[in-house]
């Protein structure tokens, strides 16, 4: 199934009335500056933060597309969340929707059937901010944050890697 764009208003409606989960992949810095989507109390537990992470400089110079690697790593993290399965309705939010598209496509390749993105992301010309749907200030206690160490061993099993240290740049063999 192909990924589809949802307007911010459609996203808010689906988050409020249906079983949809939003994954915010913006950096901590972006969320601190711009805020996060204001959701009704019934939907606040449906927002998960899994930020794109910078790759170490050694690794950046070795990969073809840093942007794709970062997005695909986030997709892999999402695929291991306990509250998400391959039939879940997943909405990906980033700043302008470019990385969200890669994450959603990767999730689809991993077998997830219902992946959506917020069109124009959080900060784009038709994104969440411009739609005036409301924002809340971001703090780490509000959204669940997934760190790299929580998925490295699971990723190793999924990718067939025996030693998890080989997944880390500069890790010992």
N, C-alpha and C. Protein backbone atom coordinates (compact mmCIF):
# COMPACT_ATOMS: atom_id res chain seq x y z
N UNK A 1 0.84 -1.18 0.00
CA UNK A 1 0.00 0.00 0.00
C UNK A 1 0.89 1.25 0.00
N UNK A 2 0.51 2.25 -0.77
CA UNK A 2 1.33 3.45 -0.82
C UNK A 2 1.03 4.35 0.37
N UNK A 3 2.00 5.18 0.71
CA UNK A 3 1.79 6.11 1.81
C UNK A 3 0.96 7.28 1.31
N UNK A 4 0.20 7.88 2.20
CA UNK A 4 -0.68 8.98 1.83
C UNK A 4 -0.45 10.17 2.74
N UNK A 5 -0.72 11.34 2.18
CA UNK A 5 -0.63 12.57 2.97
C UNK A 5 -1.97 12.83 3.65
N UNK A 6 -1.89 13.29 4.88
CA UNK A 6 -3.06 13.78 5.60
C UNK A 6 -2.84 15.25 5.88
N UNK A 7 -3.88 16.06 5.77
CA UNK A 7 -3.74 17.45 6.19
C UNK A 7 -3.61 17.46 7.72
N UNK A 8 -3.08 18.53 8.29
CA UNK A 8 -3.04 18.60 9.75
C UNK A 8 -4.43 18.44 10.38
N UNK A 9 -5.47 19.04 9.77
CA UNK A 9 -6.83 18.92 10.32
C UNK A 9 -7.32 17.47 10.27
N UNK A 10 -7.05 16.77 9.16
CA UNK A 10 -7.43 15.35 9.06
C UNK A 10 -6.69 14.53 10.13
N UNK A 11 -5.41 14.86 10.31
CA UNK A 11 -4.61 14.15 11.31
C UNK A 11 -5.20 14.33 12.70
N UNK A 12 -5.52 15.57 13.06
CA UNK A 12 -6.09 15.84 14.38
C UNK A 12 -7.40 15.09 14.56
N UNK A 13 -8.24 15.08 13.54
CA UNK A 13 -9.52 14.38 13.61
C UNK A 13 -9.31 12.88 13.81
N UNK A 14 -8.42 12.28 13.03
CA UNK A 14 -8.17 10.84 13.15
C UNK A 14 -7.52 10.49 14.49
N UNK A 15 -6.61 11.33 14.95
CA UNK A 15 -5.96 11.09 16.25
C UNK A 15 -7.00 11.17 17.38
N UNK A 16 -7.98 12.05 17.23
CA UNK A 16 -8.98 12.28 18.27
C UNK A 16 -10.07 11.22 18.28
N UNK A 17 -10.41 10.68 17.10
CA UNK A 17 -11.59 9.83 17.01
C UNK A 17 -11.30 8.37 16.66
N UNK A 18 -10.14 8.08 16.14
CA UNK A 18 -9.81 6.71 15.71
C UNK A 18 -8.51 6.25 16.37
N UNK A 19 -8.15 5.02 16.07
CA UNK A 19 -6.94 4.44 16.65
C UNK A 19 -5.73 4.73 15.75
N UNK A 20 -5.26 5.96 15.80
CA UNK A 20 -4.09 6.39 15.03
C UNK A 20 -2.99 6.78 16.01
N UNK A 21 -1.75 6.50 15.64
CA UNK A 21 -0.59 6.87 16.45
C UNK A 21 0.26 7.83 15.63
N UNK A 22 0.69 8.93 16.25
CA UNK A 22 1.57 9.88 15.57
C UNK A 22 2.99 9.71 16.11
N UNK A 23 3.94 9.60 15.18
CA UNK A 23 5.35 9.53 15.56
C UNK A 23 6.01 10.81 15.06
N UNK A 24 6.49 11.61 16.01
CA UNK A 24 7.15 12.88 15.71
C UNK A 24 8.65 12.59 15.58
N UNK A 25 9.20 12.77 14.37
CA UNK A 25 10.60 12.44 14.14
C UNK A 25 11.50 13.68 14.11
N UNK A 26 10.94 14.83 14.50
CA UNK A 26 11.76 16.05 14.53
C UNK A 26 12.78 15.97 15.66
N UNK A 27 13.85 16.75 15.53
CA UNK A 27 14.89 16.76 16.55
C UNK A 27 14.35 17.37 17.84
N UNK A 28 15.01 17.06 18.94
CA UNK A 28 14.64 17.65 20.23
C UNK A 28 14.69 19.18 20.13
N UNK A 29 15.71 19.68 19.45
CA UNK A 29 15.87 21.13 19.28
C UNK A 29 14.67 21.73 18.54
N UNK A 30 14.24 21.10 17.46
CA UNK A 30 13.08 21.59 16.71
C UNK A 30 11.82 21.59 17.57
N UNK A 31 11.62 20.53 18.35
CA UNK A 31 10.42 20.47 19.19
C UNK A 31 10.48 21.50 20.31
N UNK A 32 11.68 21.72 20.85
CA UNK A 32 11.82 22.74 21.89
C UNK A 32 11.52 24.13 21.35
N UNK A 33 11.96 24.42 20.13
CA UNK A 33 11.75 25.74 19.52
C UNK A 33 10.31 25.94 19.08
N UNK A 34 9.77 24.99 18.33
CA UNK A 34 8.46 25.17 17.68
C UNK A 34 7.29 24.59 18.47
N UNK A 35 7.56 23.67 19.38
CA UNK A 35 6.49 23.02 20.12
C UNK A 35 6.06 21.72 19.45
N UNK A 36 5.01 21.15 19.99
CA UNK A 36 4.45 19.91 19.47
C UNK A 36 2.96 20.11 19.22
N UNK A 37 2.35 19.25 18.41
CA UNK A 37 0.92 19.40 18.14
C UNK A 37 0.09 19.34 19.42
N UNK A 38 -0.86 20.25 19.54
CA UNK A 38 -1.80 20.18 20.66
C UNK A 38 -2.84 19.11 20.33
N UNK A 39 -2.94 18.13 21.21
CA UNK A 39 -3.88 17.03 21.03
C UNK A 39 -4.84 17.02 22.21
N UNK A 40 -6.07 16.54 22.00
CA UNK A 40 -6.99 16.43 23.13
C UNK A 40 -6.47 15.39 24.13
N UNK A 41 -6.90 15.49 25.39
CA UNK A 41 -6.40 14.55 26.41
C UNK A 41 -6.51 13.08 25.99
N UNK A 42 -7.57 12.73 25.27
CA UNK A 42 -7.76 11.33 24.87
C UNK A 42 -6.72 10.85 23.86
N UNK A 43 -6.01 11.78 23.21
CA UNK A 43 -5.05 11.41 22.17
C UNK A 43 -3.60 11.66 22.57
N UNK A 44 -3.36 12.27 23.74
CA UNK A 44 -1.99 12.62 24.12
C UNK A 44 -1.08 11.40 24.23
N UNK A 45 -1.63 10.26 24.63
CA UNK A 45 -0.80 9.06 24.74
C UNK A 45 -0.54 8.41 23.38
N UNK A 46 -1.06 9.00 22.31
CA UNK A 46 -0.85 8.47 20.95
C UNK A 46 0.27 9.20 20.23
N UNK A 47 0.99 10.07 20.93
CA UNK A 47 2.11 10.80 20.35
C UNK A 47 3.41 10.21 20.88
N UNK A 48 4.26 9.76 19.97
CA UNK A 48 5.54 9.17 20.34
C UNK A 48 6.64 9.97 19.65
N UNK A 49 7.69 10.26 20.38
CA UNK A 49 8.82 11.01 19.82
C UNK A 49 9.99 10.07 19.56
N UNK A 50 10.38 9.97 18.30
CA UNK A 50 11.57 9.20 17.92
C UNK A 50 12.36 10.09 16.96
N UNK A 51 13.23 10.94 17.51
CA UNK A 51 13.91 11.92 16.66
C UNK A 51 14.94 11.31 15.71
N UNK A 52 15.05 11.94 14.54
CA UNK A 52 16.15 11.62 13.63
C UNK A 52 17.44 11.96 14.36
N UNK A 53 18.45 11.14 14.22
CA UNK A 53 19.71 11.39 14.92
C UNK A 53 20.82 11.65 13.92
N UNK A 54 21.74 12.50 14.33
CA UNK A 54 22.90 12.77 13.49
C UNK A 54 23.79 11.52 13.47
N UNK A 55 24.34 11.23 12.31
CA UNK A 55 25.28 10.12 12.21
C UNK A 55 26.67 10.61 12.56
N UNK A 56 27.48 9.78 13.19
CA UNK A 56 28.86 10.16 13.47
C UNK A 56 29.59 10.51 12.17
N UNK A 57 30.50 11.45 12.24
CA UNK A 57 31.17 11.94 11.02
C UNK A 57 31.87 10.82 10.26
N UNK A 58 32.46 9.85 10.96
CA UNK A 58 33.11 8.71 10.28
C UNK A 58 32.11 7.98 9.39
N UNK A 59 30.93 7.76 9.91
CA UNK A 59 29.90 7.04 9.18
C UNK A 59 29.29 7.89 8.07
N UNK A 60 29.13 9.18 8.32
CA UNK A 60 28.54 10.08 7.31
C UNK A 60 29.32 10.02 6.00
N UNK A 61 30.63 9.93 6.11
CA UNK A 61 31.45 9.93 4.89
C UNK A 61 31.40 8.59 4.16
N UNK A 62 30.88 7.55 4.80
CA UNK A 62 30.86 6.22 4.19
C UNK A 62 29.53 5.86 3.51
N UNK A 63 28.47 6.59 3.83
CA UNK A 63 27.16 6.22 3.29
C UNK A 63 26.79 7.08 2.09
N UNK A 64 25.95 6.52 1.21
CA UNK A 64 25.52 7.24 0.01
C UNK A 64 24.56 8.37 0.33
N UNK A 65 23.61 8.14 1.20
CA UNK A 65 22.61 9.15 1.51
C UNK A 65 22.38 9.22 3.02
N UNK A 66 22.96 10.22 3.64
CA UNK A 66 22.81 10.39 5.09
C UNK A 66 21.33 10.53 5.45
N UNK A 67 20.61 11.31 4.66
CA UNK A 67 19.19 11.55 4.93
C UNK A 67 18.40 10.23 4.92
N UNK A 68 18.67 9.37 3.94
CA UNK A 68 17.97 8.09 3.87
C UNK A 68 18.34 7.18 5.03
N UNK A 69 19.62 7.14 5.39
CA UNK A 69 20.05 6.29 6.50
C UNK A 69 19.37 6.73 7.79
N UNK A 70 19.36 8.03 8.05
CA UNK A 70 18.73 8.55 9.27
C UNK A 70 17.25 8.19 9.30
N UNK A 71 16.56 8.37 8.18
CA UNK A 71 15.12 8.09 8.12
C UNK A 71 14.85 6.59 8.25
N UNK A 72 15.67 5.76 7.60
CA UNK A 72 15.46 4.32 7.68
C UNK A 72 15.74 3.77 9.07
N UNK A 73 16.69 4.38 9.79
CA UNK A 73 16.95 3.98 11.18
C UNK A 73 15.74 4.29 12.06
N UNK A 74 15.12 5.45 11.84
CA UNK A 74 13.91 5.80 12.60
C UNK A 74 12.80 4.80 12.28
N UNK A 75 12.64 4.44 11.02
CA UNK A 75 11.61 3.46 10.64
C UNK A 75 11.85 2.13 11.34
N UNK A 76 13.09 1.71 11.42
CA UNK A 76 13.41 0.46 12.11
C UNK A 76 13.03 0.55 13.59
N UNK A 77 13.32 1.68 14.22
CA UNK A 77 12.93 1.88 15.63
C UNK A 77 11.42 1.79 15.77
N UNK A 78 10.69 2.46 14.89
CA UNK A 78 9.23 2.43 14.94
C UNK A 78 8.72 1.00 14.81
N UNK A 79 9.34 0.22 13.93
CA UNK A 79 8.87 -1.15 13.68
C UNK A 79 8.98 -2.04 14.92
N UNK A 80 9.80 -1.65 15.89
CA UNK A 80 9.98 -2.44 17.10
C UNK A 80 9.17 -1.94 18.29
N UNK A 81 8.40 -0.88 18.13
CA UNK A 81 7.60 -0.39 19.24
C UNK A 81 6.54 -1.41 19.63
N UNK A 82 6.38 -1.62 20.93
CA UNK A 82 5.42 -2.61 21.41
C UNK A 82 3.98 -2.24 21.07
N UNK A 83 3.67 -0.94 21.06
CA UNK A 83 2.28 -0.54 20.83
C UNK A 83 1.92 -0.46 19.35
N UNK A 84 2.86 -0.80 18.46
CA UNK A 84 2.60 -0.73 17.02
C UNK A 84 2.77 -2.11 16.40
N UNK A 85 1.81 -2.47 15.53
CA UNK A 85 1.97 -3.71 14.76
C UNK A 85 1.76 -3.38 13.29
N UNK A 86 1.89 -4.38 12.44
CA UNK A 86 1.85 -4.12 10.99
C UNK A 86 0.50 -3.64 10.48
N UNK A 87 -0.54 -3.74 11.29
CA UNK A 87 -1.84 -3.22 10.91
C UNK A 87 -2.17 -1.87 11.54
N UNK A 88 -1.26 -1.34 12.37
CA UNK A 88 -1.50 -0.06 13.05
C UNK A 88 -1.58 1.09 12.06
N UNK A 89 -2.35 2.10 12.42
CA UNK A 89 -2.42 3.34 11.66
C UNK A 89 -1.35 4.28 12.20
N UNK A 90 -0.31 4.52 11.41
CA UNK A 90 0.85 5.29 11.86
C UNK A 90 0.95 6.56 11.03
N UNK A 91 1.00 7.70 11.73
CA UNK A 91 1.15 9.00 11.07
C UNK A 91 2.53 9.54 11.45
N UNK A 92 3.35 9.85 10.44
CA UNK A 92 4.70 10.35 10.67
C UNK A 92 4.69 11.87 10.52
N UNK A 93 5.28 12.55 11.49
CA UNK A 93 5.38 14.01 11.47
C UNK A 93 6.83 14.43 11.52
N UNK A 94 7.26 15.27 10.59
CA UNK A 94 8.57 15.90 10.68
C UNK A 94 8.38 17.39 10.43
N UNK A 95 9.47 18.11 10.18
CA UNK A 95 9.34 19.55 10.01
C UNK A 95 8.65 19.94 8.71
N UNK A 96 9.04 19.31 7.59
CA UNK A 96 8.50 19.71 6.27
C UNK A 96 7.99 18.54 5.44
N UNK A 97 7.97 17.36 5.96
CA UNK A 97 7.46 16.10 5.38
C UNK A 97 8.42 15.37 4.45
N UNK A 98 9.62 15.89 4.20
CA UNK A 98 10.55 15.18 3.31
C UNK A 98 11.10 13.91 3.95
N UNK A 99 11.57 13.97 5.19
CA UNK A 99 12.07 12.76 5.87
C UNK A 99 10.92 11.83 6.22
N UNK A 100 9.77 12.39 6.54
CA UNK A 100 8.60 11.56 6.88
C UNK A 100 8.24 10.63 5.73
N UNK A 101 8.37 11.11 4.50
CA UNK A 101 8.05 10.28 3.34
C UNK A 101 8.97 9.06 3.28
N UNK A 102 10.25 9.27 3.56
CA UNK A 102 11.21 8.15 3.53
C UNK A 102 10.88 7.16 4.64
N UNK A 103 10.57 7.67 5.84
CA UNK A 103 10.21 6.79 6.96
C UNK A 103 8.97 5.97 6.62
N UNK A 104 7.95 6.62 6.09
CA UNK A 104 6.70 5.92 5.75
C UNK A 104 6.93 4.87 4.66
N UNK A 105 7.72 5.21 3.65
CA UNK A 105 8.03 4.24 2.58
C UNK A 105 8.78 3.03 3.15
N UNK A 106 9.73 3.30 4.05
CA UNK A 106 10.51 2.21 4.65
C UNK A 106 9.60 1.31 5.49
N UNK A 107 8.71 1.91 6.27
CA UNK A 107 7.78 1.11 7.06
C UNK A 107 6.91 0.24 6.15
N UNK A 108 6.48 0.80 5.04
CA UNK A 108 5.67 0.04 4.08
C UNK A 108 6.48 -1.15 3.55
N UNK A 109 7.76 -0.93 3.24
CA UNK A 109 8.62 -2.03 2.78
C UNK A 109 8.78 -3.10 3.85
N UNK A 110 8.72 -2.69 5.13
CA UNK A 110 8.85 -3.63 6.24
C UNK A 110 7.54 -4.36 6.52
N UNK A 111 6.49 -4.06 5.75
CA UNK A 111 5.23 -4.77 5.89
C UNK A 111 4.13 -4.03 6.62
N UNK A 112 4.37 -2.78 7.01
CA UNK A 112 3.33 -1.99 7.67
C UNK A 112 2.37 -1.47 6.60
N UNK A 113 1.08 -1.70 6.83
CA UNK A 113 0.09 -1.45 5.78
C UNK A 113 -0.52 -0.06 5.78
N UNK A 114 -0.50 0.64 6.91
CA UNK A 114 -1.23 1.90 7.03
C UNK A 114 -0.32 3.02 7.53
N UNK A 115 0.49 3.55 6.65
CA UNK A 115 1.43 4.61 7.00
C UNK A 115 1.00 5.91 6.32
N UNK A 116 0.99 6.97 7.07
CA UNK A 116 0.57 8.27 6.60
C UNK A 116 1.64 9.29 6.97
N UNK A 117 1.63 10.42 6.30
CA UNK A 117 2.47 11.53 6.72
C UNK A 117 1.58 12.77 6.84
N UNK A 118 2.00 13.69 7.71
CA UNK A 118 1.30 14.98 7.81
C UNK A 118 1.84 15.85 6.69
N UNK A 119 0.97 16.24 5.75
CA UNK A 119 1.43 17.03 4.60
C UNK A 119 2.01 18.35 5.09
N UNK A 120 3.17 18.70 4.56
CA UNK A 120 3.92 19.90 4.93
C UNK A 120 4.44 19.86 6.37
N UNK A 121 4.36 18.70 7.02
CA UNK A 121 4.95 18.52 8.33
C UNK A 121 4.43 19.49 9.38
N UNK A 122 5.31 19.82 10.30
CA UNK A 122 4.93 20.73 11.39
C UNK A 122 5.11 22.18 10.98
N UNK A 123 6.18 22.47 10.23
CA UNK A 123 6.56 23.86 9.97
C UNK A 123 6.35 24.33 8.54
N UNK A 124 5.90 23.47 7.63
CA UNK A 124 5.73 23.86 6.23
C UNK A 124 4.61 24.86 6.02
N UNK A 125 4.49 25.35 4.79
CA UNK A 125 3.52 26.41 4.49
C UNK A 125 2.07 26.00 4.74
N UNK A 126 1.78 24.69 4.67
CA UNK A 126 0.43 24.21 4.99
C UNK A 126 0.49 23.20 6.13
N UNK A 127 1.56 23.26 6.92
CA UNK A 127 1.77 22.32 8.01
C UNK A 127 0.96 22.64 9.25
N UNK A 128 1.29 21.92 10.31
CA UNK A 128 0.54 22.03 11.56
C UNK A 128 0.52 23.47 12.10
N UNK A 129 1.67 24.12 12.15
CA UNK A 129 1.73 25.49 12.68
C UNK A 129 0.83 26.43 11.91
N UNK A 130 0.92 26.41 10.58
CA UNK A 130 0.14 27.31 9.74
C UNK A 130 -1.35 27.00 9.78
N UNK A 131 -1.69 25.78 10.16
CA UNK A 131 -3.10 25.39 10.22
C UNK A 131 -3.78 25.92 11.49
N UNK A 132 -3.00 26.46 12.39
CA UNK A 132 -3.52 27.06 13.64
C UNK A 132 -4.37 26.07 14.45
N UNK A 133 -3.91 24.84 14.50
CA UNK A 133 -4.62 23.82 15.29
C UNK A 133 -4.14 23.79 16.74
N UNK A 134 -3.12 24.56 17.03
CA UNK A 134 -2.63 24.65 18.39
C UNK A 134 -1.36 23.85 18.60
N UNK A 135 -0.51 24.39 19.46
CA UNK A 135 0.73 23.72 19.83
C UNK A 135 0.87 23.75 21.34
N UNK A 136 1.61 22.81 21.83
CA UNK A 136 1.98 22.78 23.24
C UNK A 136 3.48 22.88 23.31
N UNK A 137 3.98 23.39 24.44
CA UNK A 137 5.43 23.40 24.60
C UNK A 137 5.87 21.97 24.83
N UNK A 138 7.08 21.68 24.40
CA UNK A 138 7.60 20.31 24.46
C UNK A 138 8.43 20.13 25.70
N UNK A 139 8.20 19.05 26.40
CA UNK A 139 9.14 18.64 27.44
C UNK A 139 9.24 17.13 27.38
N UNK A 140 10.36 16.62 27.82
CA UNK A 140 10.63 15.19 27.66
C UNK A 140 9.62 14.30 28.38
N UNK A 141 8.96 14.82 29.40
CA UNK A 141 8.02 13.98 30.13
C UNK A 141 6.70 13.82 29.38
N UNK A 142 6.46 14.69 28.39
CA UNK A 142 5.17 14.65 27.68
C UNK A 142 5.06 13.47 26.74
N UNK A 143 6.05 13.30 25.90
CA UNK A 143 6.00 12.25 24.88
C UNK A 143 7.00 11.15 25.23
N UNK A 144 6.71 9.97 24.80
CA UNK A 144 7.62 8.85 24.98
C UNK A 144 8.76 9.01 23.99
N UNK A 145 10.01 8.92 24.46
CA UNK A 145 11.17 9.09 23.60
C UNK A 145 11.92 7.76 23.54
N UNK A 146 12.27 7.34 22.34
CA UNK A 146 12.99 6.09 22.14
C UNK A 146 14.45 6.41 21.85
N UNK A 147 15.35 5.84 22.63
CA UNK A 147 16.77 6.09 22.43
C UNK A 147 17.38 4.99 21.56
N UNK A 148 18.57 5.28 20.97
CA UNK A 148 19.20 4.29 20.09
C UNK A 148 19.47 2.95 20.78
N UNK A 149 19.87 2.97 22.04
CA UNK A 149 20.24 1.73 22.71
C UNK A 149 19.04 0.80 22.88
N UNK A 150 17.83 1.35 22.83
CA UNK A 150 16.65 0.52 23.00
C UNK A 150 16.36 -0.35 21.78
N UNK A 151 16.94 -0.02 20.65
CA UNK A 151 16.63 -0.81 19.45
C UNK A 151 17.84 -1.48 18.83
N UNK A 152 19.04 -1.18 19.29
CA UNK A 152 20.23 -1.71 18.62
C UNK A 152 20.27 -3.24 18.67
N UNK A 153 20.00 -3.83 19.85
CA UNK A 153 20.08 -5.29 19.89
C UNK A 153 18.94 -5.91 19.08
N UNK A 154 17.76 -5.32 19.13
CA UNK A 154 16.64 -5.84 18.34
C UNK A 154 16.92 -5.68 16.85
N UNK A 155 17.51 -4.57 16.47
CA UNK A 155 17.85 -4.34 15.06
C UNK A 155 18.86 -5.37 14.59
N UNK A 156 19.81 -5.69 15.44
CA UNK A 156 20.80 -6.69 15.09
C UNK A 156 20.17 -8.03 14.79
N UNK A 157 19.19 -8.40 15.61
CA UNK A 157 18.49 -9.67 15.36
C UNK A 157 17.71 -9.61 14.05
N UNK A 158 17.04 -8.49 13.79
CA UNK A 158 16.23 -8.39 12.56
C UNK A 158 17.12 -8.38 11.33
N UNK A 159 18.28 -7.75 11.42
CA UNK A 159 19.16 -7.63 10.26
C UNK A 159 20.13 -8.80 10.14
N UNK A 160 20.08 -9.73 11.11
CA UNK A 160 20.93 -10.90 11.04
C UNK A 160 22.36 -10.64 11.49
N UNK A 161 22.57 -9.56 12.23
CA UNK A 161 23.89 -9.23 12.73
C UNK A 161 24.07 -9.93 14.07
N UNK A 162 25.18 -10.62 14.23
CA UNK A 162 25.40 -11.37 15.46
C UNK A 162 25.86 -10.44 16.58
N UNK A 163 26.82 -9.59 16.31
CA UNK A 163 27.37 -8.72 17.34
C UNK A 163 26.78 -7.33 17.21
N UNK A 164 26.13 -6.84 18.29
CA UNK A 164 25.52 -5.51 18.23
C UNK A 164 26.58 -4.42 18.17
N UNK A 165 27.81 -4.73 18.60
CA UNK A 165 28.85 -3.70 18.54
C UNK A 165 29.19 -3.33 17.11
N UNK A 166 28.97 -4.22 16.17
CA UNK A 166 29.27 -3.91 14.77
C UNK A 166 28.30 -2.88 14.20
N UNK A 167 27.15 -2.68 14.85
CA UNK A 167 26.20 -1.68 14.39
C UNK A 167 26.61 -0.27 14.81
N UNK A 168 27.50 -0.18 15.77
CA UNK A 168 27.92 1.12 16.27
C UNK A 168 29.22 1.55 15.61
N UNK A 169 29.27 2.74 15.04
CA UNK A 169 30.53 3.21 14.45
C UNK A 169 31.60 3.29 15.53
N UNK A 170 32.74 2.79 15.23
CA UNK A 170 33.85 2.84 16.18
C UNK A 170 33.74 1.79 17.28
N UNK A 171 32.74 0.92 17.22
CA UNK A 171 32.57 -0.12 18.22
C UNK A 171 33.67 -1.17 18.08
N UNK A 172 33.98 -1.85 19.17
CA UNK A 172 35.03 -2.88 19.09
C UNK A 172 34.44 -4.16 18.54
N UNK A 173 35.25 -4.92 17.85
CA UNK A 173 34.79 -6.18 17.24
C UNK A 173 35.00 -7.34 18.18
